[in-house]
């Protein structure tokens, strides 16, 4: 069973029937984690950053993978409209005030105007999976999505080996497991009801 870094590497070797890939396994795991950062949207990767907004830009957290929600605390919660990075310059205003628009540009959130005061903010985002290494041997993503982790790694080995049949096979299984994992985190059913009694 896959429980940690060592057992993940052993499973990759077992599934590929290749004993000559040992020196590449850390690369396959790292590339698989990049793929998971792009595709996986599960509660284990939900994160929140808070702070004070005081300028035209705000640095994204170092573990940022994808945007969920951004709110500014004024007398109420306020959310600027997020637009594409090419459109933010067209919305720029020289006068300071509460920004109406924002965009992710590089490693920052860029606003269409500087704020006119220091405002508290909350950034909800999906973070990158914690990297699995010899020094950090497990994570909640590996614990809860062993098969997904394995097939992400197997897909990287298939690309490396230039095995088109395995690329197609592992891609299909990887996509199936990603869709299943992401669907588990979505709300289902009707509205929440409180039952007394």
N, C-alpha and C. Protein backbone atom coordinates (compact mmCIF):
# COMPACT_ATOMS: atom_id res chain seq x y z
N UNK A 1 0.84 -1.20 0.00
CA UNK A 1 0.00 0.00 0.00
C UNK A 1 0.88 1.25 0.00
N UNK A 2 0.44 2.25 -0.73
CA UNK A 2 1.17 3.52 -0.78
C UNK A 2 0.82 4.35 0.45
N UNK A 3 1.83 4.64 1.26
CA UNK A 3 1.61 5.45 2.47
C UNK A 3 2.57 6.62 2.58
N UNK A 4 3.69 6.56 1.83
CA UNK A 4 4.71 7.60 1.98
C UNK A 4 5.60 7.62 0.74
N UNK A 5 6.64 8.43 0.83
CA UNK A 5 7.60 8.63 -0.26
C UNK A 5 8.20 7.31 -0.75
N UNK A 6 8.68 6.49 0.18
CA UNK A 6 9.34 5.24 -0.20
C UNK A 6 8.37 4.28 -0.86
N UNK A 7 7.17 4.14 -0.31
CA UNK A 7 6.21 3.20 -0.90
C UNK A 7 5.65 3.71 -2.22
N UNK A 8 5.59 5.04 -2.41
CA UNK A 8 5.19 5.59 -3.70
C UNK A 8 6.23 5.25 -4.76
N UNK A 9 7.50 5.43 -4.43
CA UNK A 9 8.56 5.09 -5.38
C UNK A 9 8.56 3.60 -5.70
N UNK A 10 8.33 2.77 -4.69
CA UNK A 10 8.27 1.33 -4.92
C UNK A 10 7.10 0.97 -5.83
N UNK A 11 5.96 1.63 -5.65
CA UNK A 11 4.78 1.35 -6.48
C UNK A 11 5.03 1.77 -7.93
N UNK A 12 5.70 2.89 -8.15
CA UNK A 12 6.02 3.32 -9.52
C UNK A 12 6.88 2.26 -10.20
N UNK A 13 7.88 1.77 -9.49
CA UNK A 13 8.75 0.73 -10.05
C UNK A 13 7.97 -0.55 -10.33
N UNK A 14 7.07 -0.93 -9.42
CA UNK A 14 6.27 -2.15 -9.60
C UNK A 14 5.34 -2.04 -10.80
N UNK A 15 4.66 -0.91 -10.93
CA UNK A 15 3.68 -0.74 -12.00
C UNK A 15 4.35 -0.63 -13.37
N UNK A 16 5.52 -0.04 -13.43
CA UNK A 16 6.19 0.13 -14.72
C UNK A 16 7.04 -1.08 -15.10
N UNK A 17 7.32 -1.97 -14.11
CA UNK A 17 8.20 -3.13 -14.36
C UNK A 17 9.56 -2.67 -14.89
N UNK A 18 10.00 -1.51 -14.36
CA UNK A 18 11.28 -0.96 -14.80
C UNK A 18 12.16 -0.72 -13.58
N UNK A 19 13.28 -1.39 -13.54
CA UNK A 19 14.23 -1.20 -12.44
C UNK A 19 15.27 -0.15 -12.78
N UNK A 20 15.23 0.35 -14.04
CA UNK A 20 16.26 1.29 -14.49
C UNK A 20 15.83 2.75 -14.37
N UNK A 21 14.70 3.00 -13.71
CA UNK A 21 14.19 4.38 -13.61
C UNK A 21 14.45 5.01 -12.24
N UNK A 22 15.13 4.28 -11.37
CA UNK A 22 15.29 4.72 -9.98
C UNK A 22 15.82 6.15 -9.86
N UNK A 23 16.80 6.49 -10.66
CA UNK A 23 17.42 7.82 -10.55
C UNK A 23 16.50 8.94 -11.05
N UNK A 24 15.41 8.57 -11.72
CA UNK A 24 14.49 9.58 -12.26
C UNK A 24 13.22 9.74 -11.42
N UNK A 25 13.02 8.88 -10.43
CA UNK A 25 11.74 8.85 -9.72
C UNK A 25 11.42 10.16 -9.02
N UNK A 26 12.43 10.83 -8.44
CA UNK A 26 12.16 12.12 -7.80
C UNK A 26 11.68 13.15 -8.81
N UNK A 27 12.23 13.12 -10.02
CA UNK A 27 11.76 14.03 -11.07
C UNK A 27 10.33 13.72 -11.46
N UNK A 28 9.98 12.43 -11.59
CA UNK A 28 8.62 12.05 -11.95
C UNK A 28 7.63 12.51 -10.88
N UNK A 29 8.01 12.37 -9.62
CA UNK A 29 7.13 12.79 -8.53
C UNK A 29 6.95 14.31 -8.56
N UNK A 30 8.03 15.05 -8.76
CA UNK A 30 7.95 16.52 -8.80
C UNK A 30 7.08 16.99 -9.97
N UNK A 31 7.25 16.36 -11.14
CA UNK A 31 6.43 16.74 -12.29
C UNK A 31 4.97 16.36 -12.09
N UNK A 32 4.74 15.21 -11.43
CA UNK A 32 3.37 14.81 -11.12
C UNK A 32 2.71 15.82 -10.18
N UNK A 33 3.48 16.35 -9.23
CA UNK A 33 2.93 17.35 -8.30
C UNK A 33 2.60 18.64 -9.03
N UNK A 34 3.37 19.01 -10.04
CA UNK A 34 3.02 20.18 -10.85
C UNK A 34 1.70 19.94 -11.58
N UNK A 35 1.52 18.74 -12.09
CA UNK A 35 0.27 18.39 -12.77
C UNK A 35 -0.91 18.44 -11.79
N UNK A 36 -0.71 17.89 -10.58
CA UNK A 36 -1.75 17.91 -9.57
C UNK A 36 -2.10 19.34 -9.16
N UNK A 37 -1.10 20.22 -9.07
CA UNK A 37 -1.35 21.62 -8.72
C UNK A 37 -2.27 22.28 -9.75
N UNK A 38 -2.13 21.89 -11.01
CA UNK A 38 -2.96 22.47 -12.07
C UNK A 38 -4.38 21.91 -12.09
N UNK A 39 -4.52 20.64 -11.71
CA UNK A 39 -5.79 19.94 -11.93
C UNK A 39 -6.62 19.68 -10.69
N UNK A 40 -5.99 19.52 -9.53
CA UNK A 40 -6.71 19.05 -8.35
C UNK A 40 -7.30 20.21 -7.57
N UNK A 41 -8.61 20.14 -7.33
CA UNK A 41 -9.32 21.18 -6.58
C UNK A 41 -10.14 20.51 -5.48
N UNK A 42 -9.45 20.17 -4.40
CA UNK A 42 -10.06 19.42 -3.31
C UNK A 42 -9.89 20.18 -2.01
N UNK A 43 -10.68 19.82 -1.01
CA UNK A 43 -10.65 20.57 0.25
C UNK A 43 -9.29 20.52 0.93
N UNK A 44 -8.52 19.44 0.71
CA UNK A 44 -7.20 19.35 1.31
C UNK A 44 -6.25 20.42 0.79
N UNK A 45 -6.57 21.01 -0.36
CA UNK A 45 -5.72 22.05 -0.94
C UNK A 45 -6.32 23.45 -0.80
N UNK A 46 -7.42 23.59 -0.08
CA UNK A 46 -7.98 24.91 0.15
C UNK A 46 -7.14 25.64 1.20
N UNK A 47 -6.89 26.91 0.95
CA UNK A 47 -6.10 27.70 1.90
C UNK A 47 -6.60 29.14 1.91
N UNK A 48 -6.23 29.87 2.93
CA UNK A 48 -6.64 31.26 3.09
C UNK A 48 -5.45 32.10 3.54
N UNK A 49 -5.29 33.26 2.92
CA UNK A 49 -4.29 34.23 3.35
C UNK A 49 -5.00 35.52 3.73
N UNK A 50 -4.56 36.14 4.79
CA UNK A 50 -5.13 37.41 5.22
C UNK A 50 -4.02 38.42 5.43
N UNK A 51 -4.39 39.68 5.40
CA UNK A 51 -3.41 40.72 5.61
C UNK A 51 -4.01 42.08 5.39
N UNK A 52 -3.16 43.05 5.09
CA UNK A 52 -3.60 44.42 4.87
C UNK A 52 -3.21 44.84 3.47
N UNK A 53 -4.18 45.31 2.72
CA UNK A 53 -3.96 45.81 1.36
C UNK A 53 -3.63 47.29 1.46
N UNK A 54 -2.48 47.69 0.87
CA UNK A 54 -2.08 49.09 1.03
C UNK A 54 -1.48 49.69 -0.24
N UNK A 55 -1.57 49.01 -1.36
CA UNK A 55 -0.97 49.56 -2.58
C UNK A 55 -1.71 49.11 -3.83
N UNK A 56 -1.01 49.14 -4.95
CA UNK A 56 -1.58 48.78 -6.24
C UNK A 56 -1.48 47.29 -6.52
N UNK A 57 -0.55 46.60 -5.86
CA UNK A 57 -0.37 45.17 -6.08
C UNK A 57 -0.28 44.44 -4.74
N UNK A 58 -0.52 43.15 -4.81
CA UNK A 58 -0.44 42.29 -3.64
C UNK A 58 0.23 40.99 -4.07
N UNK A 59 1.30 40.59 -3.39
CA UNK A 59 2.01 39.37 -3.74
C UNK A 59 1.17 38.14 -3.41
N UNK A 60 1.15 37.19 -4.34
CA UNK A 60 0.45 35.94 -4.10
C UNK A 60 1.26 35.09 -3.13
N UNK A 61 0.61 34.23 -2.35
CA UNK A 61 1.36 33.32 -1.47
C UNK A 61 2.27 32.41 -2.30
N UNK A 62 3.38 31.98 -1.72
CA UNK A 62 4.34 31.16 -2.45
C UNK A 62 3.78 29.80 -2.85
N UNK A 63 2.76 29.32 -2.13
CA UNK A 63 2.18 28.02 -2.45
C UNK A 63 0.90 28.15 -3.30
N UNK A 64 0.66 29.33 -3.86
CA UNK A 64 -0.55 29.59 -4.65
C UNK A 64 -0.57 28.73 -5.91
N UNK A 65 -1.72 28.07 -6.15
CA UNK A 65 -1.92 27.30 -7.39
C UNK A 65 -3.05 27.87 -8.23
N UNK A 66 -4.16 28.24 -7.59
CA UNK A 66 -5.31 28.77 -8.35
C UNK A 66 -6.18 29.64 -7.44
N UNK A 67 -6.82 30.60 -8.06
CA UNK A 67 -7.65 31.60 -7.37
C UNK A 67 -9.03 31.04 -7.06
N UNK A 68 -9.56 31.37 -5.88
CA UNK A 68 -10.94 31.05 -5.53
C UNK A 68 -11.76 32.32 -5.32
N UNK A 69 -11.31 33.17 -4.36
CA UNK A 69 -12.13 34.33 -3.98
C UNK A 69 -11.24 35.35 -3.29
N UNK A 70 -11.53 36.63 -3.50
CA UNK A 70 -10.79 37.70 -2.84
C UNK A 70 -11.79 38.71 -2.31
N UNK A 71 -11.69 39.03 -1.03
CA UNK A 71 -12.60 40.02 -0.44
C UNK A 71 -11.80 41.07 0.32
N UNK A 72 -12.31 42.29 0.25
CA UNK A 72 -11.75 43.43 0.98
C UNK A 72 -12.76 43.80 2.06
N UNK A 73 -12.26 44.01 3.27
CA UNK A 73 -13.15 44.37 4.38
C UNK A 73 -13.27 45.88 4.46
N UNK A 74 -14.44 46.39 4.10
CA UNK A 74 -14.74 47.81 4.31
C UNK A 74 -15.79 47.84 5.42
N UNK A 75 -16.86 48.57 5.26
CA UNK A 75 -17.95 48.46 6.23
C UNK A 75 -18.70 47.15 6.03
N UNK A 76 -18.46 46.53 4.87
CA UNK A 76 -19.00 45.21 4.57
C UNK A 76 -17.95 44.47 3.74
N UNK A 77 -18.20 43.22 3.42
CA UNK A 77 -17.29 42.48 2.55
C UNK A 77 -17.46 42.99 1.12
N UNK A 78 -16.35 43.32 0.47
CA UNK A 78 -16.37 43.86 -0.89
C UNK A 78 -15.45 43.03 -1.77
N UNK A 79 -15.91 42.66 -2.95
CA UNK A 79 -15.12 41.84 -3.86
C UNK A 79 -14.93 42.56 -5.18
N UNK A 80 -13.70 42.91 -5.54
CA UNK A 80 -13.49 43.50 -6.87
C UNK A 80 -13.71 42.44 -7.95
N UNK A 81 -14.06 42.89 -9.14
CA UNK A 81 -14.26 41.97 -10.26
C UNK A 81 -12.91 41.55 -10.83
N UNK A 82 -12.68 40.24 -10.93
CA UNK A 82 -11.43 39.76 -11.51
C UNK A 82 -11.57 39.64 -13.02
N UNK A 83 -10.61 40.23 -13.71
CA UNK A 83 -10.60 40.22 -15.17
C UNK A 83 -9.24 39.71 -15.65
N UNK A 84 -9.07 39.59 -16.93
CA UNK A 84 -7.80 39.10 -17.48
C UNK A 84 -6.69 40.11 -17.32
N UNK A 85 -5.44 39.64 -17.31
CA UNK A 85 -4.30 40.56 -17.12
C UNK A 85 -4.17 41.60 -18.23
N UNK A 86 -4.64 41.28 -19.44
CA UNK A 86 -4.56 42.26 -20.52
C UNK A 86 -5.56 43.40 -20.34
N UNK A 87 -6.64 43.14 -19.59
CA UNK A 87 -7.67 44.16 -19.42
C UNK A 87 -7.46 45.11 -18.27
N UNK A 88 -6.59 44.74 -17.33
CA UNK A 88 -6.47 45.55 -16.12
C UNK A 88 -5.89 46.93 -16.41
N UNK A 89 -4.97 47.02 -17.36
CA UNK A 89 -4.37 48.33 -17.67
C UNK A 89 -5.40 49.29 -18.24
N UNK A 90 -6.35 48.77 -19.00
CA UNK A 90 -7.39 49.63 -19.57
C UNK A 90 -8.33 50.17 -18.50
N UNK A 91 -8.39 49.52 -17.35
CA UNK A 91 -9.27 49.94 -16.26
C UNK A 91 -8.54 50.81 -15.24
N UNK A 92 -7.26 51.08 -15.47
CA UNK A 92 -6.46 51.80 -14.49
C UNK A 92 -7.01 53.20 -14.22
N UNK A 93 -7.02 53.59 -12.93
CA UNK A 93 -7.43 54.93 -12.51
C UNK A 93 -6.31 55.52 -11.64
N UNK A 94 -5.97 56.76 -11.91
CA UNK A 94 -4.88 57.41 -11.17
C UNK A 94 -5.27 57.75 -9.75
N UNK A 95 -6.53 58.11 -9.53
CA UNK A 95 -6.96 58.51 -8.20
C UNK A 95 -7.10 57.29 -7.30
N UNK A 96 -6.63 57.42 -6.07
CA UNK A 96 -6.75 56.33 -5.11
C UNK A 96 -8.21 56.13 -4.71
N UNK A 97 -8.57 54.93 -4.37
CA UNK A 97 -9.93 54.61 -3.96
C UNK A 97 -10.07 53.11 -3.78
N UNK A 98 -11.28 52.65 -3.67
CA UNK A 98 -11.53 51.22 -3.54
C UNK A 98 -11.48 50.60 -4.93
N UNK A 99 -10.59 49.63 -5.18
CA UNK A 99 -10.46 49.08 -6.54
C UNK A 99 -11.72 48.31 -6.95
N UNK A 100 -12.14 48.53 -8.19
CA UNK A 100 -13.30 47.83 -8.73
C UNK A 100 -12.89 46.59 -9.51
N UNK A 101 -11.63 46.56 -9.99
CA UNK A 101 -11.15 45.46 -10.81
C UNK A 101 -9.80 44.96 -10.30
N UNK A 102 -9.53 43.70 -10.56
CA UNK A 102 -8.25 43.10 -10.20
C UNK A 102 -7.92 42.01 -11.21
N UNK A 103 -6.65 41.67 -11.29
CA UNK A 103 -6.19 40.61 -12.19
C UNK A 103 -4.96 39.95 -11.59
N UNK A 104 -4.78 38.68 -11.90
CA UNK A 104 -3.54 38.01 -11.51
C UNK A 104 -2.53 38.23 -12.62
N UNK A 105 -1.45 38.91 -12.27
CA UNK A 105 -0.39 39.23 -13.22
C UNK A 105 0.92 38.72 -12.64
N UNK A 106 1.46 37.68 -13.24
CA UNK A 106 2.68 37.09 -12.71
C UNK A 106 2.45 36.53 -11.32
N UNK A 107 3.26 36.95 -10.37
CA UNK A 107 3.15 36.45 -8.99
C UNK A 107 2.40 37.42 -8.09
N UNK A 108 1.59 38.31 -8.71
CA UNK A 108 0.86 39.33 -7.94
C UNK A 108 -0.60 39.41 -8.34
N UNK A 109 -1.40 39.94 -7.43
CA UNK A 109 -2.73 40.45 -7.79
C UNK A 109 -2.54 41.94 -8.04
N UNK A 110 -2.94 42.39 -9.21
CA UNK A 110 -2.81 43.80 -9.57
C UNK A 110 -4.21 44.41 -9.61
N UNK A 111 -4.34 45.61 -9.03
CA UNK A 111 -5.63 46.29 -8.96
C UNK A 111 -5.66 47.45 -9.95
N UNK A 112 -6.86 47.92 -10.24
CA UNK A 112 -6.98 49.00 -11.22
C UNK A 112 -6.70 50.37 -10.60
N UNK A 113 -6.55 50.43 -9.29
CA UNK A 113 -6.19 51.68 -8.62
C UNK A 113 -5.60 51.36 -7.26
N UNK A 114 -4.78 52.27 -6.76
CA UNK A 114 -4.27 52.12 -5.40
C UNK A 114 -5.38 52.39 -4.42
N UNK A 115 -5.32 51.73 -3.30
CA UNK A 115 -6.35 51.94 -2.28
C UNK A 115 -6.13 53.28 -1.59
N UNK A 116 -7.22 53.84 -1.09
CA UNK A 116 -7.16 55.13 -0.41
C UNK A 116 -6.97 55.00 1.10
N UNK A 117 -6.89 53.77 1.58
CA UNK A 117 -6.66 53.51 3.00
C UNK A 117 -6.15 52.07 3.10
N UNK A 118 -5.68 51.70 4.28
CA UNK A 118 -5.26 50.31 4.50
C UNK A 118 -6.50 49.47 4.81
N UNK A 119 -6.75 48.48 3.98
CA UNK A 119 -7.93 47.61 4.15
C UNK A 119 -7.48 46.18 4.45
N UNK A 120 -8.18 45.53 5.36
CA UNK A 120 -7.95 44.11 5.60
C UNK A 120 -8.50 43.33 4.41
N UNK A 121 -7.81 42.26 4.04
CA UNK A 121 -8.28 41.44 2.93
C UNK A 121 -8.22 39.96 3.31
N UNK A 122 -8.98 39.17 2.57
CA UNK A 122 -8.94 37.71 2.68
C UNK A 122 -8.83 37.15 1.28
N UNK A 123 -7.82 36.31 1.05
CA UNK A 123 -7.63 35.62 -0.23
C UNK A 123 -7.84 34.13 0.01
N UNK A 124 -8.87 33.58 -0.60
CA UNK A 124 -9.10 32.14 -0.58
C UNK A 124 -8.55 31.57 -1.88
N UNK A 125 -7.77 30.51 -1.77
CA UNK A 125 -7.12 29.97 -2.96
C UNK A 125 -6.85 28.48 -2.79
N UNK A 126 -6.53 27.83 -3.90
CA UNK A 126 -6.04 26.45 -3.85
C UNK A 126 -4.52 26.51 -3.85
N UNK A 127 -3.93 25.77 -2.94
CA UNK A 127 -2.48 25.77 -2.86
C UNK A 127 -1.91 24.57 -3.61
N UNK A 128 -0.62 24.63 -3.87
CA UNK A 128 0.07 23.50 -4.49
C UNK A 128 0.16 22.37 -3.47
N UNK A 129 0.14 21.12 -3.95
CA UNK A 129 0.36 20.02 -3.00
C UNK A 129 1.73 20.15 -2.34
N UNK A 130 1.81 19.79 -1.07
CA UNK A 130 3.10 19.77 -0.38
C UNK A 130 3.97 18.72 -1.05
N UNK A 131 5.18 19.07 -1.41
CA UNK A 131 6.07 18.16 -2.13
C UNK A 131 6.46 16.97 -1.26
N UNK A 132 6.43 15.79 -1.87
CA UNK A 132 6.85 14.57 -1.20
C UNK A 132 8.33 14.35 -1.52
N UNK A 133 9.15 14.25 -0.50
CA UNK A 133 10.59 14.06 -0.67
C UNK A 133 11.10 13.09 0.39
N UNK A 134 12.39 12.80 0.34
CA UNK A 134 12.98 11.95 1.37
C UNK A 134 12.94 12.63 2.74
N UNK A 135 12.90 13.95 2.76
CA UNK A 135 12.83 14.69 4.02
C UNK A 135 11.41 14.98 4.49
N UNK A 136 10.47 14.97 3.56
CA UNK A 136 9.05 15.17 3.88
C UNK A 136 8.29 14.04 3.21
N UNK A 137 8.09 12.98 3.94
CA UNK A 137 7.73 11.71 3.32
C UNK A 137 6.26 11.50 3.01
N UNK A 138 5.38 12.38 3.49
CA UNK A 138 3.96 12.18 3.21
C UNK A 138 3.22 13.51 3.27
N UNK A 139 1.96 13.49 2.86
CA UNK A 139 1.10 14.68 2.89
C UNK A 139 -0.34 14.22 2.92
N UNK A 140 -1.24 15.15 3.20
CA UNK A 140 -2.66 14.79 3.22
C UNK A 140 -3.15 14.40 1.83
N UNK A 141 -2.58 15.00 0.79
CA UNK A 141 -2.99 14.64 -0.58
C UNK A 141 -2.58 13.21 -0.89
N UNK A 142 -1.35 12.83 -0.55
CA UNK A 142 -0.91 11.46 -0.79
C UNK A 142 -1.74 10.48 0.04
N UNK A 143 -2.02 10.81 1.29
CA UNK A 143 -2.80 9.94 2.16
C UNK A 143 -4.20 9.71 1.62
N UNK A 144 -4.84 10.76 1.11
CA UNK A 144 -6.24 10.67 0.69
C UNK A 144 -6.44 10.33 -0.78
N UNK A 145 -5.38 10.49 -1.60
CA UNK A 145 -5.52 10.26 -3.04
C UNK A 145 -4.31 9.47 -3.57
N UNK A 146 -4.08 8.31 -2.97
CA UNK A 146 -2.92 7.48 -3.33
C UNK A 146 -2.91 7.11 -4.80
N UNK A 147 -4.08 6.64 -5.29
CA UNK A 147 -4.17 6.22 -6.69
C UNK A 147 -3.93 7.37 -7.65
N UNK A 148 -4.47 8.50 -7.33
CA UNK A 148 -4.30 9.68 -8.17
C UNK A 148 -2.82 10.08 -8.23
N UNK A 149 -2.17 10.09 -7.08
CA UNK A 149 -0.74 10.40 -7.02
C UNK A 149 0.06 9.43 -7.88
N UNK A 150 -0.26 8.13 -7.73
CA UNK A 150 0.46 7.11 -8.48
C UNK A 150 0.28 7.29 -9.98
N UNK A 151 -0.95 7.49 -10.43
CA UNK A 151 -1.18 7.60 -11.86
C UNK A 151 -0.62 8.89 -12.45
N UNK A 152 -0.55 9.94 -11.65
CA UNK A 152 0.13 11.15 -12.11
C UNK A 152 1.61 10.85 -12.34
N UNK A 153 2.21 10.06 -11.45
CA UNK A 153 3.62 9.68 -11.60
C UNK A 153 3.81 8.73 -12.78
N UNK A 154 2.91 7.76 -12.93
CA UNK A 154 3.01 6.81 -14.04
C UNK A 154 2.89 7.52 -15.38
N UNK A 155 2.06 8.53 -15.43
CA UNK A 155 1.92 9.30 -16.67
C UNK A 155 3.25 9.96 -17.03
N UNK A 156 3.95 10.49 -16.05
CA UNK A 156 5.26 11.09 -16.31
C UNK A 156 6.28 10.04 -16.78
N UNK A 157 6.21 8.84 -16.20
CA UNK A 157 7.14 7.79 -16.66
C UNK A 157 6.84 7.39 -18.09
N UNK A 158 5.57 7.38 -18.47
CA UNK A 158 5.20 7.00 -19.84
C UNK A 158 5.69 8.04 -20.85
N UNK A 159 5.57 9.32 -20.47
CA UNK A 159 6.12 10.36 -21.36
C UNK A 159 7.63 10.20 -21.49
N UNK A 160 8.30 9.91 -20.39
CA UNK A 160 9.75 9.74 -20.40
C UNK A 160 10.16 8.56 -21.28
N UNK A 161 9.40 7.46 -21.17
CA UNK A 161 9.72 6.25 -21.93
C UNK A 161 9.23 6.32 -23.38
N UNK A 162 8.53 7.40 -23.73
CA UNK A 162 7.98 7.58 -25.08
C UNK A 162 7.08 6.41 -25.47
N UNK A 163 6.26 5.98 -24.51
CA UNK A 163 5.33 4.87 -24.71
C UNK A 163 3.93 5.45 -24.89
N UNK A 164 3.52 5.61 -26.16
CA UNK A 164 2.24 6.26 -26.45
C UNK A 164 1.05 5.48 -25.90
N UNK A 165 1.12 4.17 -25.92
CA UNK A 165 0.02 3.37 -25.39
C UNK A 165 -0.17 3.61 -23.90
N UNK A 166 0.95 3.65 -23.16
CA UNK A 166 0.86 3.91 -21.73
C UNK A 166 0.44 5.35 -21.45
N UNK A 167 0.89 6.29 -22.26
CA UNK A 167 0.46 7.68 -22.10
C UNK A 167 -1.06 7.76 -22.19
N UNK A 168 -1.64 7.12 -23.21
CA UNK A 168 -3.10 7.15 -23.39
C UNK A 168 -3.80 6.45 -22.22
N UNK A 169 -3.28 5.31 -21.83
CA UNK A 169 -3.91 4.53 -20.75
C UNK A 169 -3.83 5.26 -19.42
N UNK A 170 -2.66 5.76 -19.08
CA UNK A 170 -2.50 6.45 -17.81
C UNK A 170 -3.21 7.81 -17.80
N UNK A 171 -3.26 8.47 -18.94
CA UNK A 171 -3.98 9.76 -19.03
C UNK A 171 -5.45 9.56 -18.72
N UNK A 172 -6.04 8.51 -19.30
CA UNK A 172 -7.47 8.26 -19.08
C UNK A 172 -7.75 7.96 -17.60
N UNK A 173 -6.91 7.13 -16.99
CA UNK A 173 -7.11 6.79 -15.58
C UNK A 173 -6.85 8.00 -14.69
N UNK A 174 -5.82 8.77 -15.00
CA UNK A 174 -5.53 9.98 -14.22
C UNK A 174 -6.71 10.94 -14.28
N UNK A 175 -7.25 11.18 -15.48
CA UNK A 175 -8.37 12.11 -15.63
C UNK A 175 -9.59 11.61 -14.87
N UNK A 176 -9.84 10.32 -14.92
CA UNK A 176 -10.96 9.73 -14.18
C UNK A 176 -10.81 9.98 -12.68
N UNK A 177 -9.61 9.76 -12.15
CA UNK A 177 -9.38 9.95 -10.72
C UNK A 177 -9.42 11.43 -10.32
N UNK A 178 -8.94 12.33 -11.18
CA UNK A 178 -9.04 13.76 -10.90
C UNK A 178 -10.51 14.19 -10.85
N UNK A 179 -11.28 13.77 -11.84
CA UNK A 179 -12.70 14.14 -11.87
C UNK A 179 -13.44 13.63 -10.64
N UNK A 180 -13.12 12.40 -10.24
CA UNK A 180 -13.76 11.83 -9.05
C UNK A 180 -13.38 12.61 -7.80
N UNK A 181 -12.07 12.90 -7.64
CA UNK A 181 -11.61 13.64 -6.47
C UNK A 181 -12.24 15.03 -6.41
N UNK A 182 -12.25 15.73 -7.54
CA UNK A 182 -12.81 17.08 -7.57
C UNK A 182 -14.31 17.08 -7.31
N UNK A 183 -15.00 16.05 -7.78
CA UNK A 183 -16.45 16.00 -7.59
C UNK A 183 -16.81 15.72 -6.13
N UNK A 184 -15.93 15.06 -5.39
CA UNK A 184 -16.18 14.78 -3.97
C UNK A 184 -16.26 16.05 -3.15
N UNK A 185 -15.55 17.08 -3.58
CA UNK A 185 -15.51 18.32 -2.81
C UNK A 185 -16.65 19.28 -3.11
N UNK A 186 -17.43 18.96 -4.14
CA UNK A 186 -18.52 19.86 -4.51
C UNK A 186 -19.76 19.58 -3.67
N UNK A 187 -20.50 20.65 -3.36
CA UNK A 187 -21.74 20.49 -2.60
C UNK A 187 -22.75 19.73 -3.44
N UNK A 188 -23.51 18.88 -2.80
CA UNK A 188 -24.55 18.13 -3.51
C UNK A 188 -25.82 18.14 -2.69
N UNK A 189 -26.92 17.81 -3.34
CA UNK A 189 -28.20 17.76 -2.65
C UNK A 189 -28.85 19.12 -2.55
N UNK A 190 -29.89 19.19 -1.74
CA UNK A 190 -30.67 20.41 -1.60
C UNK A 190 -30.08 21.33 -0.56
N UNK A 191 -30.81 22.40 -0.23
CA UNK A 191 -30.30 23.34 0.77
C UNK A 191 -30.16 22.70 2.14
N UNK A 192 -29.25 23.24 2.94
CA UNK A 192 -29.02 22.74 4.28
C UNK A 192 -30.25 23.02 5.15
N UNK A 193 -30.65 22.01 5.92
CA UNK A 193 -31.84 22.15 6.76
C UNK A 193 -31.48 21.76 8.18
N UNK A 194 -31.90 22.55 9.13
CA UNK A 194 -31.66 22.24 10.54
C UNK A 194 -32.89 21.55 11.10
N UNK A 195 -32.67 20.37 11.66
CA UNK A 195 -33.77 19.61 12.24
C UNK A 195 -33.63 19.66 13.76
N UNK A 196 -34.66 20.11 14.42
CA UNK A 196 -34.66 20.15 15.88
C UNK A 196 -35.46 18.97 16.40
N UNK A 197 -34.97 18.38 17.46
CA UNK A 197 -35.81 17.40 18.01
C UNK A 197 -35.28 16.18 18.53
